[in-house]
Amino acid sequence: MSVDTKYWTEAHATGGGRNGLSKLKNGMLTVTMTSPKELGGSGEGHNPEELFAMGYAACYLGAMRFAAQNEKLGAVPEDATVDAHVGIGPRSDGGFGLKVKLVVEMPGVDKDVAEKIAERGHFICPYSNATQGNIEVETEVK
């Protein structure tokens, strides 16, 4: 599989990684990083899992809108939401791993249609494509 890249972004991390600063090279966002209390940190800053959850939620919602429009599946309402729950913990075979649960709400959309849109969103979303076969991703359509 090849990717015809249309956009690149750059970020820079300093300090201890999970305990340091991460910033976009364009200067538009700087985040103080700290490990969560559950992983032995202070929890007073942000962590990569939070940023991943924000990115996945936004990207997946956009992918569902794209799928619904381009595949004529119906409209995704303006008040549609995606909540991304991202968990981290030790893997049974060593190292650490992630789990994701995406909760989709499309008020006023028939559940069967919403589920189809959610399914097609995964086909389009680059986060879903990057995680496919690598981490457990559960999708719940309410």
C-alpha atoms as a PDB file:
ATOM      1  CA  MET A   1       0.000   0.000   0.000  1.00  0.00           C
ATOM      2  CA  SER A   2       1.317   3.424  -0.871  1.00  0.00           C
ATOM      3  CA  VAL A   3       0.130   6.786   0.405  1.00  0.00           C
ATOM      4  CA  ASP A   4       0.067   9.893  -1.772  1.00  0.00           C
ATOM      5  CA  THR A   5       0.924  12.290   1.077  1.00  0.00           C
ATOM      6  CA  LYS A   6      -0.797  15.680   0.766  1.00  0.00           C
ATOM      7  CA  TYR A   7       0.094  17.119   4.183  1.00  0.00           C
ATOM      8  CA  TRP A   8       2.845  16.735   6.774  1.00  0.00           C
ATOM      9  CA  THR A   9       3.021  18.167  10.272  1.00  0.00           C
ATOM     10  CA  GLU A  10       5.929  18.193  12.684  1.00  0.00           C
ATOM     11  CA  ALA A  11       6.134  17.981  16.448  1.00  0.00           C
ATOM     12  CA  HIS A  12       9.112  18.203  18.770  1.00  0.00           C
ATOM     13  CA  ALA A  13       9.465  16.621  22.223  1.00  0.00           C
ATOM     14  CA  THR A  14      11.983  17.575  24.915  1.00  0.00           C
ATOM     15  CA  GLY A  15      12.644  16.537  28.482  1.00  0.00           C
ATOM     16  CA  GLY A  16      11.704  13.050  29.569  1.00  0.00           C
ATOM     17  CA  GLY A  17       9.168  12.356  26.816  1.00  0.00           C
ATOM     18  CA  ARG A  18       6.157  11.605  28.977  1.00  0.00           C
ATOM     19  CA  ASN A  19       7.493  14.220  31.405  1.00  0.00           C
ATOM     20  CA  GLY A  20       8.578  17.174  29.313  1.00  0.00           C
ATOM     21  CA  LEU A  21       7.300  19.467  26.605  1.00  0.00           C
ATOM     22  CA  SER A  22       5.802  18.569  23.256  1.00  0.00           C
ATOM     23  CA  LYS A  23       5.140  21.249  20.708  1.00  0.00           C
ATOM     24  CA  LEU A  24       4.230  21.708  17.099  1.00  0.00           C
ATOM     25  CA  LYS A  25       7.103  23.015  15.011  1.00  0.00           C
ATOM     26  CA  ASN A  26       4.820  25.796  13.703  1.00  0.00           C
ATOM     27  CA  GLY A  27       4.501  27.135  17.273  1.00  0.00           C
ATOM     28  CA  MET A  28       0.704  26.893  17.356  1.00  0.00           C
ATOM     29  CA  LEU A  29       0.520  24.412  20.268  1.00  0.00           C
ATOM     30  CA  THR A  30       2.789  23.560  23.198  1.00  0.00           C
ATOM     31  CA  VAL A  31       1.750  20.927  25.729  1.00  0.00           C
ATOM     32  CA  THR A  32       3.305  20.150  29.114  1.00  0.00           C
ATOM     33  CA  MET A  33       3.500  16.379  29.322  1.00  0.00           C
ATOM     34  CA  THR A  34       3.286  14.357  32.541  1.00  0.00           C
ATOM     35  CA  SER A  35       2.493  10.724  33.127  1.00  0.00           C
ATOM     36  CA  PRO A  36      -0.945  10.036  34.601  1.00  0.00           C
ATOM     37  CA  LYS A  37      -1.121   9.173  38.304  1.00  0.00           C
ATOM     38  CA  GLU A  38      -2.155   5.629  37.351  1.00  0.00           C
ATOM     39  CA  LEU A  39       1.266   5.183  35.707  1.00  0.00           C
ATOM     40  CA  GLY A  40       3.225   6.766  38.563  1.00  0.00           C
ATOM     41  CA  GLY A  41       3.237  10.373  37.375  1.00  0.00           C
ATOM     42  CA  SER A  42       1.883  13.576  38.839  1.00  0.00           C
ATOM     43  CA  GLY A  43      -1.022  13.800  36.397  1.00  0.00           C
ATOM     44  CA  GLU A  44      -0.620  17.585  36.367  1.00  0.00           C
ATOM     45  CA  GLY A  45      -0.091  17.891  32.616  1.00  0.00           C
ATOM     46  CA  HIS A  46      -1.234  15.961  29.596  1.00  0.00           C
ATOM     47  CA  ASN A  47      -0.166  12.633  28.163  1.00  0.00           C
ATOM     48  CA  PRO A  48       0.089  11.066  24.711  1.00  0.00           C
ATOM     49  CA  GLU A  49      -3.080   9.009  25.235  1.00  0.00           C
ATOM     50  CA  GLU A  50      -5.132  12.178  25.761  1.00  0.00           C
ATOM     51  CA  LEU A  51      -3.785  13.694  22.568  1.00  0.00           C
ATOM     52  CA  PHE A  52      -4.369  10.451  20.674  1.00  0.00           C
ATOM     53  CA  ALA A  53      -7.983  10.345  21.971  1.00  0.00           C
ATOM     54  CA  MET A  54      -8.608  13.927  20.813  1.00  0.00           C
ATOM     55  CA  GLY A  55      -7.135  13.274  17.384  1.00  0.00           C
ATOM     56  CA  TYR A  56      -8.935   9.971  16.869  1.00  0.00           C
ATOM     57  CA  ALA A  57     -12.322  11.395  17.930  1.00  0.00           C
ATOM     58  CA  ALA A  58     -12.025  14.375  15.577  1.00  0.00           C
ATOM     59  CA  CYS A  59     -10.647  12.380  12.658  1.00  0.00           C
ATOM     60  CA  TYR A  60     -13.238   9.616  12.968  1.00  0.00           C
ATOM     61  CA  LEU A  61     -16.149  12.075  13.134  1.00  0.00           C
ATOM     62  CA  GLY A  62     -14.832  13.756   9.984  1.00  0.00           C
ATOM     63  CA  ALA A  63     -14.417  10.380   8.271  1.00  0.00           C
ATOM     64  CA  MET A  64     -18.025   9.451   9.061  1.00  0.00           C
ATOM     65  CA  ARG A  65     -19.233  12.748   7.603  1.00  0.00           C
ATOM     66  CA  PHE A  66     -17.139  12.115   4.482  1.00  0.00           C
ATOM     67  CA  ALA A  67     -18.457   8.550   4.126  1.00  0.00           C
ATOM     68  CA  ALA A  68     -22.083   9.564   4.638  1.00  0.00           C
ATOM     69  CA  GLN A  69     -21.874  12.309   2.026  1.00  0.00           C
ATOM     70  CA  ASN A  70     -19.785  10.535  -0.615  1.00  0.00           C
ATOM     71  CA  GLU A  71     -21.560   7.187  -0.327  1.00  0.00           C
ATOM     72  CA  LYS A  72     -25.015   8.801  -0.022  1.00  0.00           C
ATOM     73  CA  LEU A  73     -25.750   7.060   3.291  1.00  0.00           C
ATOM     74  CA  GLY A  74     -27.647  10.003   4.731  1.00  0.00           C
ATOM     75  CA  ALA A  75     -26.603  13.102   6.624  1.00  0.00           C
ATOM     76  CA  VAL A  76     -24.591  13.111   9.823  1.00  0.00           C
ATOM     77  CA  PRO A  77     -26.302  15.726  12.008  1.00  0.00           C
ATOM     78  CA  GLU A  78     -24.374  18.775  13.208  1.00  0.00           C
ATOM     79  CA  ASP A  79     -24.806  17.622  16.820  1.00  0.00           C
ATOM     80  CA  ALA A  80     -23.249  14.204  16.161  1.00  0.00           C
ATOM     81  CA  THR A  81     -20.443  13.316  18.564  1.00  0.00           C
ATOM     82  CA  VAL A  82     -17.616  10.843  19.009  1.00  0.00           C
ATOM     83  CA  ASP A  83     -16.148  10.137  22.425  1.00  0.00           C
ATOM     84  CA  ALA A  84     -12.797   8.361  22.204  1.00  0.00           C
ATOM     85  CA  HIS A  85     -11.735   6.394  25.282  1.00  0.00           C
ATOM     86  CA  VAL A  86      -8.054   5.427  25.108  1.00  0.00           C
ATOM     87  CA  GLY A  87      -6.518   3.080  27.643  1.00  0.00           C
ATOM     88  CA  ILE A  88      -2.887   2.086  28.177  1.00  0.00           C
ATOM     89  CA  GLY A  89      -1.394  -0.785  30.113  1.00  0.00           C
ATOM     90  CA  PRO A  90       1.170  -3.565  30.107  1.00  0.00           C
ATOM     91  CA  ARG A  91       0.879  -6.188  27.366  1.00  0.00           C
ATOM     92  CA  SER A  92       0.934  -9.872  28.284  1.00  0.00           C
ATOM     93  CA  ASP A  93       3.956 -10.381  25.989  1.00  0.00           C
ATOM     94  CA  GLY A  94       5.887  -7.338  27.254  1.00  0.00           C
ATOM     95  CA  GLY A  95       5.891  -3.628  26.676  1.00  0.00           C
ATOM     96  CA  PHE A  96       2.780  -1.479  26.750  1.00  0.00           C
ATOM     97  CA  GLY A  97      -0.295  -1.433  24.555  1.00  0.00           C
ATOM     98  CA  LEU A  98      -3.396   0.621  23.865  1.00  0.00           C
ATOM     99  CA  LYS A  99      -7.116  -0.103  23.693  1.00  0.00           C
ATOM    100  CA  VAL A 100      -9.697   2.224  22.187  1.00  0.00           C
ATOM    101  CA  LYS A 101     -13.455   2.508  22.563  1.00  0.00           C
ATOM    102  CA  LEU A 102     -15.281   4.938  20.277  1.00  0.00           C
ATOM    103  CA  VAL A 103     -18.791   5.967  21.313  1.00  0.00           C
ATOM    104  CA  VAL A 104     -20.794   7.483  18.454  1.00  0.00           C
ATOM    105  CA  GLU A 105     -24.007   9.470  18.812  1.00  0.00           C
ATOM    106  CA  MET A 106     -26.033  10.677  15.825  1.00  0.00           C
ATOM    107  CA  PRO A 107     -29.254  12.143  17.194  1.00  0.00           C
ATOM    108  CA  GLY A 108     -32.212  11.640  14.880  1.00  0.00           C
ATOM    109  CA  VAL A 109     -30.462   9.049  12.679  1.00  0.00           C
ATOM    110  CA  ASP A 110     -31.876   5.523  12.486  1.00  0.00           C
ATOM    111  CA  LYS A 111     -29.519   3.180  14.377  1.00  0.00           C
ATOM    112  CA  ASP A 112     -29.020   0.887  11.354  1.00  0.00           C
ATOM    113  CA  VAL A 113     -27.986   3.874   9.218  1.00  0.00           C
ATOM    114  CA  ALA A 114     -25.738   5.250  11.984  1.00  0.00           C
ATOM    115  CA  GLU A 115     -24.040   1.855  12.308  1.00  0.00           C
ATOM    116  CA  LYS A 116     -23.422   1.714   8.553  1.00  0.00           C
ATOM    117  CA  ILE A 117     -21.950   5.227   8.610  1.00  0.00           C
ATOM    118  CA  ALA A 118     -19.762   4.272  11.577  1.00  0.00           C
ATOM    119  CA  GLU A 119     -18.562   1.148   9.748  1.00  0.00           C
ATOM    120  CA  ARG A 120     -17.686   3.093   6.604  1.00  0.00           C
ATOM    121  CA  GLY A 121     -16.001   5.771   8.716  1.00  0.00           C
ATOM    122  CA  HIS A 122     -13.474   3.169   9.852  1.00  0.00           C
ATOM    123  CA  PHE A 123     -12.641   2.385   6.229  1.00  0.00           C
ATOM    124  CA  ILE A 124     -11.828   6.061   5.561  1.00  0.00           C
ATOM    125  CA  CYS A 125     -10.322   7.232   8.872  1.00  0.00           C
ATOM    126  CA  PRO A 126      -6.502   7.202   8.869  1.00  0.00           C
ATOM    127  CA  TYR A 127      -6.454   6.521  12.622  1.00  0.00           C
ATOM    128  CA  SER A 128      -8.627   3.445  12.104  1.00  0.00           C
ATOM    129  CA  ASN A 129      -6.398   2.315   9.257  1.00  0.00           C
ATOM    130  CA  ALA A 130      -3.254   2.841  11.346  1.00  0.00           C
ATOM    131  CA  THR A 131      -4.611   0.877  14.307  1.00  0.00           C
ATOM    132  CA  GLN A 132      -6.303  -1.926  12.352  1.00  0.00           C
ATOM    133  CA  GLY A 133      -4.846  -5.243  13.452  1.00  0.00           C
ATOM    134  CA  ASN A 134      -2.548  -3.484  15.935  1.00  0.00           C
ATOM    135  CA  ILE A 135      -4.804  -2.562  18.837  1.00  0.00           C
ATOM    136  CA  GLU A 136      -8.297  -3.416  19.981  1.00  0.00           C
ATOM    137  CA  VAL A 137     -10.802  -0.802  18.782  1.00  0.00           C
ATOM    138  CA  GLU A 138     -14.410  -1.157  19.889  1.00  0.00           C
ATOM    139  CA  THR A 139     -17.145   1.023  18.395  1.00  0.00           C
ATOM    140  CA  GLU A 140     -20.467   1.636  20.121  1.00  0.00           C
ATOM    141  CA  VAL A 141     -23.245   3.430  18.263  1.00  0.00           C
ATOM    142  CA  LYS A 142     -25.866   4.832  20.641  1.00  0.00           C
END
